[in-house]
N, C-alpha and C. Protein backbone atom coordinates (compact mmCIF):
# COMPACT_ATOMS: atom_id res chain seq x y z
N MET A 1 0.85 -1.18 0.00
CA MET A 1 0.00 0.00 0.00
C MET A 1 0.90 1.24 0.00
N ASN A 2 0.61 2.17 -0.90
CA ASN A 2 1.44 3.36 -0.98
C ASN A 2 1.00 4.40 0.06
N ALA A 3 1.83 5.41 0.22
CA ALA A 3 1.60 6.41 1.27
C ALA A 3 0.33 7.22 1.03
N THR A 4 0.00 7.51 -0.22
CA THR A 4 -1.19 8.30 -0.49
C THR A 4 -2.46 7.54 -0.11
N SER A 5 -2.50 6.26 -0.39
CA SER A 5 -3.67 5.45 -0.01
C SER A 5 -3.78 5.34 1.50
N ARG A 6 -2.66 5.09 2.14
CA ARG A 6 -2.65 4.96 3.60
C ARG A 6 -3.09 6.26 4.26
N THR A 7 -2.59 7.38 3.78
CA THR A 7 -2.96 8.67 4.36
C THR A 7 -4.42 8.99 4.09
N THR A 8 -4.94 8.60 2.93
CA THR A 8 -6.36 8.81 2.64
C THR A 8 -7.23 8.05 3.64
N ILE A 9 -6.85 6.83 3.95
CA ILE A 9 -7.61 6.03 4.91
C ILE A 9 -7.54 6.66 6.31
N VAL A 10 -6.36 7.09 6.72
CA VAL A 10 -6.21 7.72 8.04
C VAL A 10 -6.98 9.04 8.08
N TYR A 11 -6.91 9.82 7.01
CA TYR A 11 -7.65 11.08 6.96
C TYR A 11 -9.16 10.81 7.04
N GLY A 12 -9.61 9.75 6.39
CA GLY A 12 -11.03 9.38 6.48
C GLY A 12 -11.43 9.04 7.89
N MET A 13 -10.55 8.35 8.63
CA MET A 13 -10.84 8.05 10.04
C MET A 13 -10.96 9.34 10.85
N ILE A 14 -10.02 10.25 10.63
CA ILE A 14 -10.05 11.53 11.35
C ILE A 14 -11.33 12.30 11.00
N GLY A 15 -11.65 12.33 9.72
CA GLY A 15 -12.88 13.01 9.30
C GLY A 15 -14.13 12.37 9.89
N ALA A 16 -14.15 11.05 9.95
CA ALA A 16 -15.30 10.34 10.51
C ALA A 16 -15.50 10.67 11.98
N VAL A 17 -14.41 10.82 12.69
CA VAL A 17 -14.49 11.12 14.12
C VAL A 17 -14.84 12.59 14.36
N MET A 18 -14.43 13.48 13.46
CA MET A 18 -14.58 14.91 13.70
C MET A 18 -15.87 15.53 13.12
N VAL A 19 -16.38 15.03 12.02
CA VAL A 19 -17.49 15.70 11.33
C VAL A 19 -18.76 15.73 12.17
N TRP A 20 -19.16 14.60 12.71
CA TRP A 20 -20.43 14.54 13.45
C TRP A 20 -20.41 15.38 14.72
N PRO A 21 -19.39 15.28 15.58
CA PRO A 21 -19.40 16.14 16.78
C PRO A 21 -19.33 17.63 16.44
N ALA A 22 -18.51 17.99 15.46
CA ALA A 22 -18.39 19.40 15.08
C ALA A 22 -19.71 19.91 14.51
N ALA A 23 -20.39 19.10 13.71
CA ALA A 23 -21.69 19.50 13.18
C ALA A 23 -22.70 19.64 14.31
N GLY A 24 -22.60 18.78 15.31
CA GLY A 24 -23.49 18.90 16.46
C GLY A 24 -23.27 20.20 17.22
N LEU A 25 -22.01 20.62 17.34
CA LEU A 25 -21.72 21.88 18.02
C LEU A 25 -22.23 23.08 17.23
N LEU A 26 -22.12 23.01 15.92
CA LEU A 26 -22.56 24.13 15.08
C LEU A 26 -24.06 24.12 14.80
N SER A 27 -24.73 23.02 15.09
CA SER A 27 -26.14 22.90 14.72
C SER A 27 -27.03 23.90 15.45
N GLY A 28 -26.64 24.33 16.64
CA GLY A 28 -27.43 25.33 17.35
C GLY A 28 -27.42 26.67 16.63
N VAL A 29 -26.35 26.97 15.94
CA VAL A 29 -26.22 28.25 15.24
C VAL A 29 -26.75 28.16 13.80
N LEU A 30 -26.36 27.11 13.10
CA LEU A 30 -26.67 26.99 11.67
C LEU A 30 -27.86 26.09 11.36
N GLY A 31 -28.26 25.27 12.29
CA GLY A 31 -29.21 24.21 11.99
C GLY A 31 -28.44 22.96 11.59
N TRP A 32 -29.02 21.79 11.87
CA TRP A 32 -28.27 20.54 11.69
C TRP A 32 -27.84 20.32 10.24
N ALA A 33 -28.75 20.49 9.29
CA ALA A 33 -28.43 20.18 7.89
C ALA A 33 -27.31 21.08 7.37
N THR A 34 -27.38 22.36 7.63
CA THR A 34 -26.35 23.28 7.15
C THR A 34 -25.03 23.03 7.86
N ALA A 35 -25.08 22.76 9.17
CA ALA A 35 -23.85 22.49 9.91
C ALA A 35 -23.18 21.22 9.41
N PHE A 36 -23.97 20.19 9.12
CA PHE A 36 -23.40 18.94 8.62
C PHE A 36 -22.77 19.14 7.25
N LYS A 37 -23.45 19.86 6.37
CA LYS A 37 -22.88 20.12 5.03
C LYS A 37 -21.63 20.99 5.13
N ALA A 38 -21.63 21.95 6.04
CA ALA A 38 -20.44 22.80 6.22
C ALA A 38 -19.26 21.96 6.72
N MET A 39 -19.50 21.02 7.60
CA MET A 39 -18.41 20.18 8.10
C MET A 39 -17.92 19.21 7.01
N LEU A 40 -18.80 18.75 6.17
CA LEU A 40 -18.34 17.93 5.03
C LEU A 40 -17.48 18.77 4.10
N TRP A 41 -17.84 20.04 3.92
CA TRP A 41 -17.04 20.94 3.11
C TRP A 41 -15.65 21.12 3.73
N VAL A 42 -15.60 21.29 5.04
CA VAL A 42 -14.31 21.43 5.74
C VAL A 42 -13.48 20.16 5.56
N CYS A 43 -14.13 19.01 5.66
CA CYS A 43 -13.42 17.73 5.48
C CYS A 43 -12.86 17.62 4.07
N LEU A 44 -13.65 17.98 3.06
CA LEU A 44 -13.16 17.95 1.68
C LEU A 44 -12.05 18.96 1.47
N SER A 45 -12.15 20.12 2.10
CA SER A 45 -11.10 21.14 1.96
C SER A 45 -9.77 20.63 2.50
N GLY A 46 -9.81 19.96 3.63
CA GLY A 46 -8.58 19.37 4.18
C GLY A 46 -8.01 18.32 3.27
N TYR A 47 -8.88 17.48 2.71
CA TYR A 47 -8.42 16.45 1.79
C TYR A 47 -7.85 17.08 0.52
N ALA A 48 -8.45 18.17 0.06
CA ALA A 48 -7.94 18.88 -1.11
C ALA A 48 -6.53 19.40 -0.85
N MET A 49 -6.27 19.86 0.37
CA MET A 49 -4.92 20.33 0.71
C MET A 49 -3.92 19.18 0.68
N LEU A 50 -4.35 18.00 1.12
CA LEU A 50 -3.46 16.83 1.01
C LEU A 50 -3.19 16.50 -0.46
N LEU A 51 -4.23 16.52 -1.28
CA LEU A 51 -4.06 16.22 -2.70
C LEU A 51 -3.12 17.23 -3.37
N VAL A 52 -3.27 18.49 -3.01
CA VAL A 52 -2.41 19.54 -3.58
C VAL A 52 -0.97 19.29 -3.18
N ARG A 53 -0.76 18.92 -1.94
CA ARG A 53 0.60 18.68 -1.48
C ARG A 53 1.23 17.48 -2.19
N TRP A 54 0.44 16.40 -2.34
CA TRP A 54 0.97 15.22 -3.01
C TRP A 54 1.29 15.48 -4.47
N SER A 55 0.49 16.32 -5.12
CA SER A 55 0.71 16.56 -6.55
C SER A 55 1.74 17.64 -6.81
N GLY A 56 2.11 18.40 -5.78
CA GLY A 56 3.08 19.46 -5.97
C GLY A 56 2.50 20.73 -6.56
N LYS A 57 1.18 20.84 -6.60
CA LYS A 57 0.53 22.03 -7.13
C LYS A 57 0.55 23.14 -6.07
N HIS A 58 0.21 24.35 -6.50
CA HIS A 58 0.14 25.49 -5.59
C HIS A 58 -1.05 25.31 -4.65
N ALA A 59 -0.92 25.77 -3.41
CA ALA A 59 -1.97 25.60 -2.41
C ALA A 59 -3.29 26.27 -2.79
N LEU A 60 -3.24 27.27 -3.65
CA LEU A 60 -4.46 27.96 -4.06
C LEU A 60 -5.13 27.30 -5.26
N ALA A 61 -4.56 26.24 -5.79
CA ALA A 61 -5.11 25.60 -6.99
C ALA A 61 -6.57 25.16 -6.83
N PRO A 62 -6.98 24.57 -5.70
CA PRO A 62 -8.39 24.15 -5.58
C PRO A 62 -9.32 25.22 -5.03
N LEU A 63 -8.86 26.46 -4.98
CA LEU A 63 -9.65 27.53 -4.37
C LEU A 63 -10.99 27.74 -5.08
N PHE A 64 -11.00 27.76 -6.40
CA PHE A 64 -12.24 28.01 -7.14
C PHE A 64 -13.29 26.91 -6.90
N PRO A 65 -12.94 25.62 -7.07
CA PRO A 65 -13.96 24.59 -6.79
C PRO A 65 -14.43 24.60 -5.34
N LEU A 66 -13.52 24.87 -4.41
CA LEU A 66 -13.92 24.90 -3.00
C LEU A 66 -14.83 26.10 -2.72
N ALA A 67 -14.58 27.23 -3.37
CA ALA A 67 -15.45 28.39 -3.20
C ALA A 67 -16.84 28.11 -3.76
N LEU A 68 -16.91 27.45 -4.91
CA LEU A 68 -18.21 27.07 -5.47
C LEU A 68 -18.96 26.15 -4.52
N LEU A 69 -18.25 25.19 -3.96
CA LEU A 69 -18.89 24.26 -3.03
C LEU A 69 -19.35 24.97 -1.76
N PHE A 70 -18.56 25.91 -1.29
CA PHE A 70 -18.96 26.65 -0.09
C PHE A 70 -20.24 27.43 -0.36
N GLY A 71 -20.36 27.97 -1.55
CA GLY A 71 -21.58 28.67 -1.92
C GLY A 71 -22.79 27.75 -2.02
N ALA A 72 -22.54 26.46 -2.20
CA ALA A 72 -23.63 25.49 -2.33
C ALA A 72 -24.06 24.90 -0.99
N VAL A 73 -23.40 25.24 0.10
CA VAL A 73 -23.75 24.68 1.41
C VAL A 73 -25.22 24.92 1.76
N PRO A 74 -25.79 26.08 1.50
CA PRO A 74 -27.21 26.27 1.85
C PRO A 74 -28.19 25.52 0.94
N TRP A 75 -27.75 24.95 -0.15
CA TRP A 75 -28.65 24.26 -1.08
C TRP A 75 -29.23 23.01 -0.43
N SER A 76 -30.13 22.37 -1.14
CA SER A 76 -30.72 21.13 -0.64
C SER A 76 -29.65 20.06 -0.53
N GLY A 77 -29.92 19.07 0.29
CA GLY A 77 -28.93 18.02 0.54
C GLY A 77 -28.49 17.30 -0.72
N GLY A 78 -29.42 16.88 -1.55
CA GLY A 78 -29.06 16.13 -2.75
C GLY A 78 -28.20 16.93 -3.71
N ALA A 79 -28.56 18.18 -3.93
CA ALA A 79 -27.77 19.03 -4.84
C ALA A 79 -26.38 19.27 -4.27
N PHE A 80 -26.30 19.51 -2.97
CA PHE A 80 -24.99 19.75 -2.36
C PHE A 80 -24.11 18.51 -2.44
N PHE A 81 -24.66 17.34 -2.16
CA PHE A 81 -23.85 16.13 -2.19
C PHE A 81 -23.38 15.81 -3.60
N CYS A 82 -24.21 16.06 -4.60
CA CYS A 82 -23.77 15.87 -5.99
C CYS A 82 -22.63 16.83 -6.33
N MET A 83 -22.78 18.08 -5.89
CA MET A 83 -21.70 19.05 -6.14
C MET A 83 -20.44 18.68 -5.36
N LEU A 84 -20.59 18.16 -4.16
CA LEU A 84 -19.44 17.73 -3.36
C LEU A 84 -18.67 16.62 -4.07
N LEU A 85 -19.39 15.65 -4.60
CA LEU A 85 -18.74 14.55 -5.33
C LEU A 85 -18.07 15.06 -6.60
N GLY A 86 -18.76 15.94 -7.33
CA GLY A 86 -18.17 16.53 -8.52
C GLY A 86 -16.95 17.37 -8.18
N GLY A 87 -17.00 18.09 -7.07
CA GLY A 87 -15.86 18.90 -6.64
C GLY A 87 -14.67 18.03 -6.28
N LEU A 88 -14.92 16.91 -5.62
CA LEU A 88 -13.83 15.99 -5.30
C LEU A 88 -13.17 15.49 -6.58
N ALA A 89 -13.98 15.07 -7.54
CA ALA A 89 -13.43 14.58 -8.80
C ALA A 89 -12.68 15.68 -9.55
N TRP A 90 -13.21 16.89 -9.54
CA TRP A 90 -12.58 18.02 -10.22
C TRP A 90 -11.23 18.34 -9.58
N ILE A 91 -11.19 18.39 -8.28
CA ILE A 91 -9.94 18.72 -7.58
C ILE A 91 -8.91 17.62 -7.79
N ARG A 92 -9.33 16.37 -7.62
CA ARG A 92 -8.38 15.26 -7.68
C ARG A 92 -7.89 15.00 -9.09
N SER A 93 -8.81 14.84 -10.04
CA SER A 93 -8.40 14.46 -11.40
C SER A 93 -8.23 15.64 -12.34
N GLY A 94 -8.90 16.73 -12.09
CA GLY A 94 -8.81 17.88 -12.99
C GLY A 94 -7.73 18.87 -12.62
N ILE A 95 -7.40 18.96 -11.33
CA ILE A 95 -6.41 19.93 -10.89
C ILE A 95 -5.12 19.25 -10.43
N CYS A 96 -5.25 18.29 -9.54
CA CYS A 96 -4.04 17.73 -8.92
C CYS A 96 -3.35 16.67 -9.77
N PHE A 97 -4.08 15.67 -10.22
CA PHE A 97 -3.48 14.56 -10.97
C PHE A 97 -4.10 14.50 -12.35
N GLU A 98 -3.68 15.40 -13.21
CA GLU A 98 -4.30 15.54 -14.52
C GLU A 98 -3.53 14.85 -15.64
N HIS A 99 -2.68 13.92 -15.32
CA HIS A 99 -1.81 13.33 -16.34
C HIS A 99 -2.51 12.24 -17.17
N ALA A 100 -3.19 11.33 -16.54
CA ALA A 100 -3.80 10.20 -17.25
C ALA A 100 -5.32 10.39 -17.29
N ARG A 101 -5.82 11.05 -18.31
CA ARG A 101 -7.23 11.40 -18.39
C ARG A 101 -8.16 10.18 -18.41
N PHE A 102 -7.87 9.21 -19.27
CA PHE A 102 -8.76 8.06 -19.39
C PHE A 102 -8.77 7.24 -18.11
N ARG A 103 -7.60 7.00 -17.54
CA ARG A 103 -7.53 6.26 -16.28
C ARG A 103 -8.20 7.03 -15.15
N ALA A 104 -8.08 8.35 -15.18
CA ALA A 104 -8.70 9.18 -14.14
C ALA A 104 -10.23 9.10 -14.22
N ILE A 105 -10.76 9.10 -15.43
CA ILE A 105 -12.22 8.99 -15.58
C ILE A 105 -12.70 7.65 -15.05
N ILE A 106 -11.98 6.60 -15.37
CA ILE A 106 -12.34 5.27 -14.86
C ILE A 106 -12.20 5.23 -13.34
N ALA A 107 -11.10 5.76 -12.84
CA ALA A 107 -10.87 5.75 -11.39
C ALA A 107 -11.93 6.55 -10.65
N GLU A 108 -12.27 7.73 -11.17
CA GLU A 108 -13.30 8.55 -10.52
C GLU A 108 -14.65 7.84 -10.56
N SER A 109 -14.97 7.22 -11.69
CA SER A 109 -16.25 6.51 -11.80
C SER A 109 -16.34 5.38 -10.78
N ILE A 110 -15.27 4.61 -10.66
CA ILE A 110 -15.27 3.48 -9.73
C ILE A 110 -15.31 3.96 -8.29
N THR A 111 -14.46 4.92 -7.94
CA THR A 111 -14.38 5.33 -6.54
C THR A 111 -15.60 6.13 -6.09
N ILE A 112 -16.10 7.01 -6.94
CA ILE A 112 -17.28 7.78 -6.55
C ILE A 112 -18.50 6.86 -6.46
N ALA A 113 -18.71 6.02 -7.47
CA ALA A 113 -19.86 5.11 -7.44
C ALA A 113 -19.74 4.12 -6.28
N GLY A 114 -18.55 3.60 -6.05
CA GLY A 114 -18.36 2.67 -4.94
C GLY A 114 -18.59 3.32 -3.59
N GLY A 115 -18.07 4.53 -3.42
CA GLY A 115 -18.26 5.24 -2.15
C GLY A 115 -19.71 5.58 -1.91
N VAL A 116 -20.39 6.08 -2.93
CA VAL A 116 -21.81 6.42 -2.80
C VAL A 116 -22.64 5.16 -2.56
N GLY A 117 -22.29 4.08 -3.23
CA GLY A 117 -23.00 2.82 -3.04
C GLY A 117 -22.89 2.31 -1.61
N LEU A 118 -21.70 2.36 -1.04
CA LEU A 118 -21.54 1.93 0.35
C LEU A 118 -22.31 2.82 1.31
N VAL A 119 -22.25 4.11 1.10
CA VAL A 119 -22.98 5.05 1.96
C VAL A 119 -24.48 4.79 1.84
N ALA A 120 -24.96 4.56 0.63
CA ALA A 120 -26.39 4.31 0.44
C ALA A 120 -26.83 2.99 1.08
N MET A 121 -25.96 1.98 1.03
CA MET A 121 -26.30 0.69 1.65
C MET A 121 -26.40 0.81 3.17
N ILE A 122 -25.49 1.56 3.78
CA ILE A 122 -25.48 1.67 5.23
C ILE A 122 -26.51 2.69 5.70
N GLY A 123 -26.56 3.82 5.04
CA GLY A 123 -27.51 4.86 5.41
C GLY A 123 -27.10 5.58 6.69
N PRO A 124 -26.58 6.79 6.57
CA PRO A 124 -26.11 7.52 7.76
C PRO A 124 -27.26 8.10 8.58
N THR A 125 -27.89 7.29 9.41
CA THR A 125 -29.03 7.76 10.19
C THR A 125 -28.65 8.16 11.61
N THR A 126 -27.57 7.62 12.13
CA THR A 126 -27.11 7.99 13.47
C THR A 126 -25.66 8.46 13.37
N ALA A 127 -25.13 8.97 14.46
CA ALA A 127 -23.74 9.43 14.45
C ALA A 127 -22.78 8.29 14.18
N VAL A 128 -23.07 7.11 14.71
CA VAL A 128 -22.17 5.96 14.50
C VAL A 128 -22.20 5.51 13.05
N THR A 129 -23.38 5.33 12.49
CA THR A 129 -23.44 4.89 11.09
C THR A 129 -22.97 6.00 10.15
N GLY A 130 -23.20 7.25 10.52
CA GLY A 130 -22.71 8.36 9.70
C GLY A 130 -21.20 8.42 9.68
N SER A 131 -20.59 8.23 10.84
CA SER A 131 -19.13 8.21 10.91
C SER A 131 -18.57 7.03 10.12
N LEU A 132 -19.22 5.88 10.25
CA LEU A 132 -18.79 4.71 9.48
C LEU A 132 -18.90 4.98 7.98
N CYS A 133 -19.97 5.67 7.57
CA CYS A 133 -20.14 6.00 6.14
C CYS A 133 -19.02 6.91 5.64
N ILE A 134 -18.65 7.90 6.44
CA ILE A 134 -17.57 8.81 6.03
C ILE A 134 -16.27 8.03 5.88
N TRP A 135 -15.96 7.18 6.85
CA TRP A 135 -14.71 6.42 6.78
C TRP A 135 -14.72 5.45 5.61
N LEU A 136 -15.84 4.75 5.40
CA LEU A 136 -15.91 3.82 4.27
C LEU A 136 -15.80 4.55 2.93
N PHE A 137 -16.37 5.75 2.85
CA PHE A 137 -16.26 6.53 1.62
C PHE A 137 -14.78 6.82 1.33
N PHE A 138 -14.04 7.25 2.35
CA PHE A 138 -12.61 7.52 2.15
C PHE A 138 -11.83 6.23 1.90
N LEU A 139 -12.26 5.14 2.48
CA LEU A 139 -11.61 3.85 2.22
C LEU A 139 -11.70 3.50 0.74
N VAL A 140 -12.87 3.70 0.15
CA VAL A 140 -13.04 3.45 -1.28
C VAL A 140 -12.25 4.47 -2.10
N GLN A 141 -12.15 5.72 -1.61
CA GLN A 141 -11.40 6.74 -2.34
C GLN A 141 -9.92 6.39 -2.43
N SER A 142 -9.42 5.64 -1.47
CA SER A 142 -8.00 5.26 -1.52
C SER A 142 -7.69 4.37 -2.72
N LEU A 143 -8.69 3.72 -3.29
CA LEU A 143 -8.47 2.90 -4.48
C LEU A 143 -8.03 3.73 -5.68
N TYR A 144 -8.36 5.02 -5.68
CA TYR A 144 -7.97 5.89 -6.79
C TYR A 144 -6.47 5.80 -7.06
N PHE A 145 -5.69 5.72 -6.01
CA PHE A 145 -4.24 5.75 -6.16
C PHE A 145 -3.67 4.40 -6.60
N PHE A 146 -4.52 3.36 -6.63
CA PHE A 146 -4.11 2.09 -7.22
C PHE A 146 -4.48 2.05 -8.70
N ILE A 147 -5.56 2.73 -9.06
CA ILE A 147 -6.01 2.73 -10.46
C ILE A 147 -5.18 3.71 -11.29
N VAL A 148 -4.79 4.83 -10.70
CA VAL A 148 -4.00 5.84 -11.41
C VAL A 148 -2.63 5.94 -10.73
N PRO A 149 -1.82 4.89 -10.82
CA PRO A 149 -0.53 4.93 -10.12
C PRO A 149 0.50 5.84 -10.77
N SER A 150 0.41 6.03 -12.08
CA SER A 150 1.45 6.81 -12.75
C SER A 150 1.47 8.26 -12.30
N SER A 151 0.32 8.81 -11.95
CA SER A 151 0.28 10.21 -11.57
C SER A 151 0.71 10.43 -10.12
N THR A 152 0.64 9.41 -9.28
CA THR A 152 0.95 9.62 -7.87
C THR A 152 2.32 9.09 -7.50
N THR A 153 2.95 8.34 -8.38
CA THR A 153 4.27 7.81 -8.06
C THR A 153 5.35 8.50 -8.88
N VAL A 154 5.13 9.75 -9.20
CA VAL A 154 6.10 10.50 -9.99
C VAL A 154 7.31 10.80 -9.14
N LYS A 155 8.42 10.14 -9.45
CA LYS A 155 9.69 10.39 -8.81
C LYS A 155 9.57 10.51 -7.29
N GLU A 156 9.26 9.38 -6.66
CA GLU A 156 9.10 9.36 -5.21
C GLU A 156 10.35 9.88 -4.50
N SER A 157 11.52 9.66 -5.10
CA SER A 157 12.75 10.09 -4.43
C SER A 157 12.91 11.61 -4.45
N VAL A 158 12.33 12.26 -5.46
CA VAL A 158 12.45 13.71 -5.57
C VAL A 158 11.42 14.41 -4.69
N ARG A 159 10.22 13.86 -4.62
CA ARG A 159 9.14 14.46 -3.86
C ARG A 159 9.39 14.26 -2.37
N PRO A 160 9.13 15.27 -1.54
CA PRO A 160 9.32 15.10 -0.10
C PRO A 160 8.37 14.04 0.45
N ALA A 161 8.84 13.31 1.43
CA ALA A 161 8.05 12.23 1.99
C ALA A 161 6.82 12.78 2.71
N ASP A 162 5.74 12.02 2.63
CA ASP A 162 4.51 12.35 3.32
C ASP A 162 4.75 12.32 4.83
N PRO A 163 4.18 13.23 5.62
CA PRO A 163 4.42 13.22 7.07
C PRO A 163 4.01 11.91 7.73
N PHE A 164 2.92 11.30 7.26
CA PHE A 164 2.52 10.01 7.82
C PHE A 164 3.55 8.94 7.50
N GLU A 165 4.10 8.99 6.28
CA GLU A 165 5.12 8.02 5.89
C GLU A 165 6.38 8.19 6.72
N ARG A 166 6.80 9.44 6.96
CA ARG A 166 7.98 9.68 7.80
C ARG A 166 7.75 9.19 9.22
N ALA A 167 6.56 9.44 9.76
CA ALA A 167 6.25 8.98 11.12
C ALA A 167 6.23 7.45 11.18
N TYR A 168 5.70 6.83 10.13
CA TYR A 168 5.67 5.37 10.07
C TYR A 168 7.10 4.81 10.05
N ARG A 169 7.96 5.38 9.22
CA ARG A 169 9.36 4.91 9.16
C ARG A 169 10.08 5.11 10.48
N HIS A 170 9.83 6.27 11.12
CA HIS A 170 10.46 6.55 12.41
C HIS A 170 9.99 5.55 13.47
N ALA A 171 8.70 5.25 13.48
CA ALA A 171 8.17 4.27 14.44
C ALA A 171 8.76 2.88 14.18
N ARG A 172 8.90 2.51 12.89
CA ARG A 172 9.50 1.21 12.56
C ARG A 172 10.94 1.12 13.04
N ARG A 173 11.71 2.23 12.87
CA ARG A 173 13.09 2.23 13.35
C ARG A 173 13.15 2.07 14.87
N ILE A 174 12.25 2.71 15.58
CA ILE A 174 12.23 2.60 17.04
C ILE A 174 11.87 1.18 17.46
N LEU A 175 10.84 0.60 16.82
CA LEU A 175 10.42 -0.74 17.18
C LEU A 175 11.44 -1.81 16.80
N ASP A 176 12.14 -1.59 15.69
CA ASP A 176 13.14 -2.57 15.26
C ASP A 176 14.42 -2.47 16.08
N GLY A 177 14.57 -1.39 16.80
CA GLY A 177 15.74 -1.25 17.69
C GLY A 177 16.83 -0.57 16.97
């Protein structure tokens, strides 16, 4: 498993743990639906920053799609979620990893459909199932980096190591003695 997939899974765990409580805190001010959509936007924004870092693009590269998504937070749930999925695909395959177009279309189709399918099967009705849905969605998203390996493994030796990968190597050195 490569570092990008591993970090995507860990980020999904962090997002799963943080989105529901943070939305609960904001729900008194914004209302539950708007607070939940805003926290999903924050989660996607953080993931976009990881994607930008991995691809070596400028940090402001996903600003336009994220601004459009932020403007869609007050929309109905279905429209917002469709825009959120489209924004993820746009940021990942259109901005960050734009090298292999055909593979990216296939990868986005598989990962978006698979993630949405899992979420639909489980149905986020409680905080526990909702958190599980967020984590499973990111788990499926990690497959993107197996389908489009050429764009994410560009000169691993030249690109700075991922912080999670450095921490993993450091922990292995400590455990190995």
